């Protein structure tokens, strides 16, 4: 695999992750907690300095699949 292909795959993976989390990342803990309660979670967690609903991403994805 060439370096260019590896970079393209890395970029694509990061873009897909960002797209999946676009609606689930919040600037404040309060915003994330409000969303957490809407989807059935009771806690929030930080990801790269931003806030996300649920205790962790695994819990978040489980709750989102139930929706």
C-alpha atoms as a PDB file:
ATOM      1  CA  UNK A   1       0.000   0.000   0.000  1.00  0.00           C
ATOM      2  CA  UNK A   2       1.405   3.362  -0.989  1.00  0.00           C
ATOM      3  CA  UNK A   3       1.770   6.275   1.405  1.00  0.00           C
ATOM      4  CA  UNK A   4      -0.795   8.220  -0.619  1.00  0.00           C
ATOM      5  CA  UNK A   5      -3.307   5.380  -0.210  1.00  0.00           C
ATOM      6  CA  UNK A   6      -2.618   5.194   3.526  1.00  0.00           C
ATOM      7  CA  UNK A   7      -3.187   8.945   3.861  1.00  0.00           C
ATOM      8  CA  UNK A   8      -6.430   8.711   1.876  1.00  0.00           C
ATOM      9  CA  UNK A   9      -7.704   5.875   4.093  1.00  0.00           C
ATOM     10  CA  UNK A  10      -6.760   7.833   7.227  1.00  0.00           C
ATOM     11  CA  UNK A  11      -8.545  10.939   5.932  1.00  0.00           C
ATOM     12  CA  UNK A  12     -11.641   8.932   4.996  1.00  0.00           C
ATOM     13  CA  UNK A  13     -11.782   7.234   8.405  1.00  0.00           C
ATOM     14  CA  UNK A  14     -11.476  10.580  10.204  1.00  0.00           C
ATOM     15  CA  UNK A  15     -14.161  12.127   8.009  1.00  0.00           C
ATOM     16  CA  UNK A  16     -16.549   9.240   8.686  1.00  0.00           C
ATOM     17  CA  UNK A  17     -15.953   9.501  12.437  1.00  0.00           C
ATOM     18  CA  UNK A  18     -16.537  13.249  12.375  1.00  0.00           C
ATOM     19  CA  UNK A  19     -19.736  12.782  10.390  1.00  0.00           C
ATOM     20  CA  UNK A  20     -21.009  10.152  12.820  1.00  0.00           C
ATOM     21  CA  UNK A  21     -20.379  12.405  15.808  1.00  0.00           C
ATOM     22  CA  UNK A  22     -21.300  15.743  14.273  1.00  0.00           C
ATOM     23  CA  UNK A  23     -24.643  15.872  16.067  1.00  0.00           C
ATOM     24  CA  UNK A  24     -23.307  14.326  19.264  1.00  0.00           C
ATOM     25  CA  UNK A  25     -20.483  16.681  20.246  1.00  0.00           C
ATOM     26  CA  UNK A  26     -21.223  19.742  22.355  1.00  0.00           C
ATOM     27  CA  UNK A  27     -19.253  22.704  23.652  1.00  0.00           C
ATOM     28  CA  UNK A  28     -20.694  22.454  27.155  1.00  0.00           C
ATOM     29  CA  UNK A  29     -21.345  19.683  29.624  1.00  0.00           C
ATOM     30  CA  UNK A  30     -24.900  20.977  30.116  1.00  0.00           C
ATOM     31  CA  UNK A  31     -25.728  20.650  26.392  1.00  0.00           C
ATOM     32  CA  UNK A  32     -24.383  17.103  26.311  1.00  0.00           C
ATOM     33  CA  UNK A  33     -26.347  16.188  29.442  1.00  0.00           C
ATOM     34  CA  UNK A  34     -29.570  17.518  27.907  1.00  0.00           C
ATOM     35  CA  UNK A  35     -28.995  15.343  24.835  1.00  0.00           C
ATOM     36  CA  UNK A  36     -27.988  12.374  27.004  1.00  0.00           C
ATOM     37  CA  UNK A  37     -31.292  12.518  28.823  1.00  0.00           C
ATOM     38  CA  UNK A  38     -33.171  12.666  25.504  1.00  0.00           C
ATOM     39  CA  UNK A  39     -31.561   9.445  24.298  1.00  0.00           C
ATOM     40  CA  UNK A  40     -31.733   7.544  27.576  1.00  0.00           C
ATOM     41  CA  UNK A  41     -28.308   8.128  29.135  1.00  0.00           C
ATOM     42  CA  UNK A  42     -27.623   9.541  32.579  1.00  0.00           C
ATOM     43  CA  UNK A  43     -24.017  10.672  32.169  1.00  0.00           C
ATOM     44  CA  UNK A  44     -21.683  12.524  29.761  1.00  0.00           C
ATOM     45  CA  UNK A  45     -18.016  12.234  28.814  1.00  0.00           C
ATOM     46  CA  UNK A  46     -15.323  14.394  27.234  1.00  0.00           C
ATOM     47  CA  UNK A  47     -13.736  13.740  23.857  1.00  0.00           C
ATOM     48  CA  UNK A  48     -10.876  16.006  22.730  1.00  0.00           C
ATOM     49  CA  UNK A  49     -12.043  18.846  24.953  1.00  0.00           C
ATOM     50  CA  UNK A  50     -15.679  18.633  23.822  1.00  0.00           C
ATOM     51  CA  UNK A  51     -18.631  16.979  25.545  1.00  0.00           C
ATOM     52  CA  UNK A  52     -20.610  13.949  24.392  1.00  0.00           C
ATOM     53  CA  UNK A  53     -23.729  12.247  25.785  1.00  0.00           C
ATOM     54  CA  UNK A  54     -23.485   8.979  27.749  1.00  0.00           C
ATOM     55  CA  UNK A  55     -20.704   7.595  29.921  1.00  0.00           C
ATOM     56  CA  UNK A  56     -18.545   6.673  26.919  1.00  0.00           C
ATOM     57  CA  UNK A  57     -18.761   6.259  23.153  1.00  0.00           C
ATOM     58  CA  UNK A  58     -19.729   2.596  23.422  1.00  0.00           C
ATOM     59  CA  UNK A  59     -22.751   3.517  25.546  1.00  0.00           C
ATOM     60  CA  UNK A  60     -23.591   6.395  23.186  1.00  0.00           C
ATOM     61  CA  UNK A  61     -23.574   4.136  20.130  1.00  0.00           C
ATOM     62  CA  UNK A  62     -25.711   1.525  21.908  1.00  0.00           C
ATOM     63  CA  UNK A  63     -28.299   4.160  22.778  1.00  0.00           C
ATOM     64  CA  UNK A  64     -28.276   5.574  19.259  1.00  0.00           C
ATOM     65  CA  UNK A  65     -28.892   2.124  17.758  1.00  0.00           C
ATOM     66  CA  UNK A  66     -31.972   1.783  19.983  1.00  0.00           C
ATOM     67  CA  UNK A  67     -33.491   4.986  18.570  1.00  0.00           C
END
